[in-house]
């Protein structure tokens, strides 16, 4: 099955959601200073998920469209929002689990400037 969309919008809303949570942390810090570390961690996770969901629905990023599967657009946006709200750690996990040859091949297509070389 061919991939029909770009993952870039999902990556961008993931970065935005993560950054929004980082911006909110100092704002909320005085209000949660007496909370346990577990509660504070849960608060940031909920904030991240809410930010991801709001961004996914607001920008119309549909996970099912990205991976080329038919599906309910509402559910696709919900899944995209959950992934975006989880931050960018999942991107690192996916990339770090790619076979070494795949990563090496991708890097060989890029020049020193980070742009793709023309293949002939």
N, C-alpha and C. Protein backbone atom coordinates (compact mmCIF):
# COMPACT_ATOMS: atom_id res chain seq x y z
N UNK A 1 0.85 -1.18 0.00
CA UNK A 1 0.00 0.00 0.00
C UNK A 1 0.89 1.24 0.00
N UNK A 2 0.62 2.14 -0.90
CA UNK A 2 1.42 3.34 -1.01
C UNK A 2 0.99 4.37 0.04
N UNK A 3 1.95 5.12 0.48
CA UNK A 3 1.66 6.19 1.43
C UNK A 3 1.14 7.37 0.63
N UNK A 4 -0.03 7.88 1.03
CA UNK A 4 -0.64 8.93 0.22
C UNK A 4 -0.39 10.33 0.73
N UNK A 5 0.09 10.47 1.94
CA UNK A 5 0.28 11.81 2.49
C UNK A 5 1.65 11.97 3.10
N UNK A 6 1.93 13.19 3.45
CA UNK A 6 3.20 13.50 4.10
C UNK A 6 3.03 13.47 5.61
N UNK A 7 4.02 12.97 6.28
CA UNK A 7 4.00 12.93 7.74
C UNK A 7 4.42 14.26 8.35
N UNK A 8 4.86 15.19 7.53
CA UNK A 8 5.37 16.47 8.01
C UNK A 8 4.35 17.24 8.85
N UNK A 9 3.06 17.33 8.43
CA UNK A 9 2.11 18.04 9.28
C UNK A 9 1.96 17.41 10.68
N UNK A 10 1.99 16.09 10.74
CA UNK A 10 1.90 15.42 12.04
C UNK A 10 3.13 15.71 12.89
N UNK A 11 4.29 15.72 12.28
CA UNK A 11 5.52 16.06 13.01
C UNK A 11 5.47 17.50 13.50
N UNK A 12 4.95 18.39 12.67
CA UNK A 12 4.89 19.81 13.05
C UNK A 12 3.94 20.03 14.23
N UNK A 13 2.76 19.39 14.20
CA UNK A 13 1.85 19.60 15.33
C UNK A 13 2.39 18.89 16.58
N UNK A 14 3.17 17.83 16.39
CA UNK A 14 3.82 17.19 17.54
C UNK A 14 4.80 18.14 18.20
N UNK A 15 5.61 18.79 17.37
CA UNK A 15 6.57 19.76 17.89
C UNK A 15 5.87 20.94 18.56
N UNK A 16 4.80 21.41 17.93
CA UNK A 16 4.05 22.53 18.50
C UNK A 16 3.41 22.16 19.84
N UNK A 17 2.82 20.98 19.91
CA UNK A 17 2.18 20.54 21.16
C UNK A 17 3.22 20.43 22.27
N UNK A 18 4.37 19.85 21.93
CA UNK A 18 5.43 19.71 22.92
C UNK A 18 5.93 21.07 23.40
N UNK A 19 6.07 21.99 22.46
CA UNK A 19 6.54 23.33 22.81
C UNK A 19 5.51 24.08 23.66
N UNK A 20 4.23 23.92 23.33
CA UNK A 20 3.18 24.57 24.11
C UNK A 20 3.20 24.10 25.57
N UNK A 21 3.42 22.82 25.77
CA UNK A 21 3.50 22.29 27.14
C UNK A 21 4.70 22.89 27.86
N UNK A 22 5.82 23.01 27.16
CA UNK A 22 7.01 23.62 27.77
C UNK A 22 6.76 25.08 28.13
N UNK A 23 5.96 25.76 27.34
CA UNK A 23 5.62 27.16 27.64
C UNK A 23 4.70 27.23 28.86
N UNK A 24 3.79 26.27 28.98
CA UNK A 24 2.82 26.27 30.09
C UNK A 24 3.44 25.89 31.43
N UNK A 25 4.52 25.12 31.42
CA UNK A 25 5.11 24.64 32.69
C UNK A 25 5.44 25.77 33.66
N UNK A 26 6.16 26.82 33.26
CA UNK A 26 6.46 27.88 34.23
C UNK A 26 5.21 28.65 34.68
N UNK A 27 4.21 28.68 33.82
CA UNK A 27 2.97 29.39 34.18
C UNK A 27 2.23 28.63 35.28
N UNK A 28 2.17 27.31 35.16
CA UNK A 28 1.45 26.48 36.13
C UNK A 28 2.27 26.14 37.38
N UNK A 29 3.58 26.31 37.30
CA UNK A 29 4.46 25.88 38.39
C UNK A 29 4.05 26.40 39.78
N UNK A 30 3.70 27.66 39.94
CA UNK A 30 3.31 28.13 41.28
C UNK A 30 2.05 27.45 41.82
N UNK A 31 1.18 27.02 40.91
CA UNK A 31 -0.08 26.42 41.33
C UNK A 31 0.05 24.94 41.69
N UNK A 32 1.12 24.30 41.21
CA UNK A 32 1.26 22.86 41.43
C UNK A 32 2.49 22.51 42.28
N UNK A 33 3.06 23.51 42.94
CA UNK A 33 4.30 23.28 43.67
C UNK A 33 4.14 22.28 44.82
N UNK A 34 2.93 22.15 45.37
CA UNK A 34 2.71 21.20 46.46
C UNK A 34 2.19 19.85 45.99
N UNK A 35 2.10 19.67 44.68
CA UNK A 35 1.62 18.40 44.14
C UNK A 35 2.75 17.37 44.14
N UNK A 36 2.37 16.10 44.12
CA UNK A 36 3.36 15.03 44.03
C UNK A 36 3.92 15.01 42.60
N UNK A 37 5.13 14.47 42.43
CA UNK A 37 5.70 14.40 41.08
C UNK A 37 4.82 13.60 40.10
N UNK A 38 4.11 12.59 40.61
CA UNK A 38 3.24 11.79 39.75
C UNK A 38 2.08 12.63 39.21
N UNK A 39 1.50 13.46 40.08
CA UNK A 39 0.39 14.32 39.66
C UNK A 39 0.86 15.37 38.66
N UNK A 40 2.03 15.91 38.90
CA UNK A 40 2.58 16.93 37.99
C UNK A 40 2.86 16.30 36.63
N UNK A 41 3.44 15.12 36.63
CA UNK A 41 3.71 14.42 35.38
C UNK A 41 2.42 14.14 34.63
N UNK A 42 1.39 13.71 35.34
CA UNK A 42 0.09 13.46 34.72
C UNK A 42 -0.50 14.74 34.14
N UNK A 43 -0.33 15.86 34.83
CA UNK A 43 -0.83 17.14 34.34
C UNK A 43 -0.20 17.49 33.00
N UNK A 44 1.13 17.32 32.89
CA UNK A 44 1.81 17.66 31.64
C UNK A 44 1.39 16.73 30.52
N UNK A 45 1.15 15.47 30.84
CA UNK A 45 0.69 14.53 29.81
C UNK A 45 -0.69 14.92 29.31
N UNK A 46 -1.58 15.28 30.23
CA UNK A 46 -2.93 15.71 29.83
C UNK A 46 -2.85 17.00 29.01
N UNK A 47 -2.02 17.94 29.43
CA UNK A 47 -1.84 19.18 28.66
C UNK A 47 -1.34 18.87 27.26
N UNK A 48 -0.38 17.95 27.15
CA UNK A 48 0.15 17.57 25.84
C UNK A 48 -0.92 16.95 24.96
N UNK A 49 -1.71 16.04 25.54
CA UNK A 49 -2.78 15.41 24.76
C UNK A 49 -3.82 16.42 24.31
N UNK A 50 -4.20 17.32 25.20
CA UNK A 50 -5.17 18.36 24.82
C UNK A 50 -4.61 19.26 23.71
N UNK A 51 -3.35 19.65 23.85
CA UNK A 51 -2.72 20.49 22.82
C UNK A 51 -2.67 19.74 21.49
N UNK A 52 -2.30 18.46 21.53
CA UNK A 52 -2.24 17.66 20.30
C UNK A 52 -3.60 17.53 19.64
N UNK A 53 -4.63 17.27 20.44
CA UNK A 53 -5.98 17.14 19.89
C UNK A 53 -6.48 18.45 19.29
N UNK A 54 -6.28 19.55 20.02
CA UNK A 54 -6.71 20.85 19.51
C UNK A 54 -5.98 21.18 18.20
N UNK A 55 -4.68 20.93 18.16
CA UNK A 55 -3.92 21.22 16.95
C UNK A 55 -4.32 20.31 15.79
N UNK A 56 -4.54 19.04 16.05
CA UNK A 56 -4.92 18.11 14.98
C UNK A 56 -6.28 18.48 14.38
N UNK A 57 -7.25 18.77 15.24
CA UNK A 57 -8.56 19.15 14.73
C UNK A 57 -8.51 20.54 14.10
N UNK A 58 -7.75 21.44 14.68
CA UNK A 58 -7.66 22.80 14.14
C UNK A 58 -6.97 22.88 12.81
N UNK A 59 -6.01 21.99 12.59
CA UNK A 59 -5.26 22.01 11.33
C UNK A 59 -5.73 20.94 10.36
N UNK A 60 -6.72 20.14 10.77
CA UNK A 60 -7.30 19.09 9.92
C UNK A 60 -6.29 18.00 9.54
N UNK A 61 -5.35 17.70 10.44
CA UNK A 61 -4.38 16.64 10.17
C UNK A 61 -5.06 15.30 10.47
N UNK A 62 -5.15 14.45 9.43
CA UNK A 62 -5.83 13.17 9.52
C UNK A 62 -4.81 12.05 9.38
N UNK A 63 -4.62 11.27 10.44
CA UNK A 63 -3.62 10.20 10.43
C UNK A 63 -3.91 9.17 9.34
N UNK A 64 -5.18 8.83 9.13
CA UNK A 64 -5.52 7.82 8.12
C UNK A 64 -5.17 8.30 6.72
N UNK A 65 -5.34 9.58 6.45
CA UNK A 65 -4.95 10.12 5.15
C UNK A 65 -3.44 10.04 4.97
N UNK A 66 -2.71 10.28 6.04
CA UNK A 66 -1.25 10.25 5.97
C UNK A 66 -0.75 8.85 5.59
N UNK A 67 -1.35 7.83 6.20
CA UNK A 67 -0.86 6.46 5.94
C UNK A 67 -1.59 5.77 4.79
N UNK A 68 -2.56 6.48 4.18
CA UNK A 68 -3.22 5.94 3.00
C UNK A 68 -4.31 4.93 3.29
N UNK A 69 -4.92 4.99 4.46
CA UNK A 69 -6.01 4.09 4.80
C UNK A 69 -7.34 4.84 4.78
N UNK A 70 -8.38 4.16 4.31
CA UNK A 70 -9.69 4.80 4.42
C UNK A 70 -10.13 4.78 5.87
N UNK A 71 -10.85 5.75 6.27
CA UNK A 71 -11.32 5.78 7.64
C UNK A 71 -12.09 7.04 7.92
N UNK A 72 -12.76 7.05 9.02
CA UNK A 72 -13.53 8.20 9.43
C UNK A 72 -12.58 9.37 9.68
N UNK A 73 -12.79 10.52 9.02
CA UNK A 73 -11.89 11.66 9.21
C UNK A 73 -11.81 12.12 10.66
N UNK A 74 -12.93 12.05 11.38
CA UNK A 74 -12.92 12.46 12.78
C UNK A 74 -11.97 11.56 13.58
N UNK A 75 -12.06 10.25 13.35
CA UNK A 75 -11.20 9.32 14.07
C UNK A 75 -9.74 9.51 13.66
N UNK A 76 -9.50 9.79 12.39
CA UNK A 76 -8.13 10.04 11.92
C UNK A 76 -7.51 11.26 12.57
N UNK A 77 -8.32 12.29 12.78
CA UNK A 77 -7.82 13.50 13.46
C UNK A 77 -7.59 13.22 14.94
N UNK A 78 -8.46 12.39 15.52
CA UNK A 78 -8.31 12.03 16.92
C UNK A 78 -7.01 11.26 17.14
N UNK A 79 -6.73 10.29 16.27
CA UNK A 79 -5.48 9.51 16.37
C UNK A 79 -4.27 10.42 16.16
N UNK A 80 -4.35 11.31 15.19
CA UNK A 80 -3.26 12.26 14.95
C UNK A 80 -3.03 13.13 16.18
N UNK A 81 -4.12 13.56 16.82
CA UNK A 81 -4.01 14.39 18.02
C UNK A 81 -3.38 13.64 19.17
N UNK A 82 -3.74 12.37 19.34
CA UNK A 82 -3.13 11.55 20.40
C UNK A 82 -1.63 11.39 20.14
N UNK A 83 -1.27 11.08 18.89
CA UNK A 83 0.16 10.93 18.56
C UNK A 83 0.90 12.25 18.76
N UNK A 84 0.29 13.34 18.32
CA UNK A 84 0.93 14.65 18.47
C UNK A 84 1.06 15.01 19.94
N UNK A 85 0.05 14.69 20.71
CA UNK A 85 0.08 15.00 22.14
C UNK A 85 1.09 14.19 22.91
N UNK A 86 1.49 13.07 22.34
CA UNK A 86 2.49 12.23 22.98
C UNK A 86 3.89 12.82 22.85
N UNK A 87 4.00 13.91 22.12
CA UNK A 87 5.30 14.55 21.95
C UNK A 87 6.05 13.97 20.76
N UNK A 88 7.34 14.16 20.75
CA UNK A 88 8.14 13.71 19.61
C UNK A 88 8.99 12.48 19.93
N UNK A 89 8.84 11.93 21.11
CA UNK A 89 9.62 10.75 21.48
C UNK A 89 9.32 9.58 20.54
N UNK A 90 8.06 9.44 20.10
CA UNK A 90 7.69 8.34 19.21
C UNK A 90 8.42 8.44 17.87
N UNK A 91 8.71 9.65 17.42
CA UNK A 91 9.45 9.82 16.17
C UNK A 91 10.85 9.26 16.34
N UNK A 92 11.50 9.60 17.45
CA UNK A 92 12.84 9.09 17.73
C UNK A 92 12.82 7.56 17.82
N UNK A 93 11.80 7.01 18.48
CA UNK A 93 11.71 5.55 18.62
C UNK A 93 11.57 4.87 17.26
N UNK A 94 10.74 5.43 16.39
CA UNK A 94 10.56 4.84 15.06
C UNK A 94 11.87 4.92 14.27
N UNK A 95 12.48 6.09 14.26
CA UNK A 95 13.72 6.26 13.49
C UNK A 95 14.86 5.42 14.03
N UNK A 96 14.93 5.28 15.35
CA UNK A 96 16.03 4.50 15.92
C UNK A 96 15.84 3.01 15.72
N UNK A 97 14.63 2.57 15.39
CA UNK A 97 14.38 1.16 15.14
C UNK A 97 14.40 0.78 13.67
N UNK A 98 14.67 1.75 12.81
CA UNK A 98 14.82 1.43 11.40
C UNK A 98 16.09 0.62 11.19
N UNK A 99 16.07 -0.29 10.22
CA UNK A 99 17.29 -1.05 9.94
C UNK A 99 18.43 -0.10 9.56
N UNK A 100 19.63 -0.42 9.98
CA UNK A 100 20.78 0.44 9.74
C UNK A 100 20.96 0.73 8.25
N UNK A 101 20.74 -0.27 7.40
CA UNK A 101 20.91 -0.07 5.96
C UNK A 101 19.95 0.97 5.41
N UNK A 102 18.73 1.01 5.95
CA UNK A 102 17.74 1.99 5.50
C UNK A 102 18.21 3.40 5.83
N UNK A 103 18.68 3.59 7.06
CA UNK A 103 19.15 4.90 7.49
C UNK A 103 20.38 5.31 6.69
N UNK A 104 21.31 4.37 6.50
CA UNK A 104 22.53 4.66 5.74
C UNK A 104 22.18 5.04 4.30
N UNK A 105 21.21 4.32 3.68
CA UNK A 105 20.80 4.63 2.32
C UNK A 105 20.20 6.03 2.25
N UNK A 106 19.37 6.38 3.21
CA UNK A 106 18.76 7.71 3.22
C UNK A 106 19.84 8.78 3.35
N UNK A 107 20.80 8.55 4.24
CA UNK A 107 21.87 9.53 4.43
C UNK A 107 22.73 9.66 3.19
N UNK A 108 22.90 8.57 2.43
CA UNK A 108 23.72 8.63 1.22
C UNK A 108 23.04 9.46 0.14
N UNK A 109 21.72 9.63 0.23
CA UNK A 109 21.01 10.44 -0.75
C UNK A 109 21.13 11.92 -0.45
N UNK A 110 21.62 12.26 0.73
CA UNK A 110 21.73 13.65 1.15
C UNK A 110 23.18 14.11 1.06
N UNK A 111 23.36 15.34 0.66
CA UNK A 111 24.70 15.90 0.62
C UNK A 111 25.09 16.45 1.97
N UNK A 112 26.23 17.05 2.05
CA UNK A 112 26.71 17.64 3.31
C UNK A 112 25.80 18.76 3.79
N UNK A 113 25.09 19.39 2.84
CA UNK A 113 24.20 20.49 3.22
C UNK A 113 22.87 20.01 3.74
N UNK A 114 22.64 18.69 3.69
CA UNK A 114 21.38 18.14 4.19
C UNK A 114 20.32 18.05 3.11
N UNK A 115 20.68 18.45 1.88
CA UNK A 115 19.70 18.36 0.80
C UNK A 115 19.96 17.10 -0.01
N UNK A 116 18.89 16.58 -0.61
CA UNK A 116 19.01 15.35 -1.36
C UNK A 116 19.88 15.55 -2.59
N UNK A 117 20.70 14.54 -2.87
CA UNK A 117 21.49 14.54 -4.08
C UNK A 117 20.62 14.01 -5.21
N UNK A 118 20.93 14.41 -6.42
CA UNK A 118 20.23 13.87 -7.57
C UNK A 118 20.74 12.47 -7.85
N UNK A 119 19.82 11.52 -7.96
CA UNK A 119 20.21 10.15 -8.31
C UNK A 119 20.10 10.00 -9.81
N UNK A 120 21.10 9.37 -10.40
CA UNK A 120 21.09 9.17 -11.86
C UNK A 120 21.10 7.72 -12.18
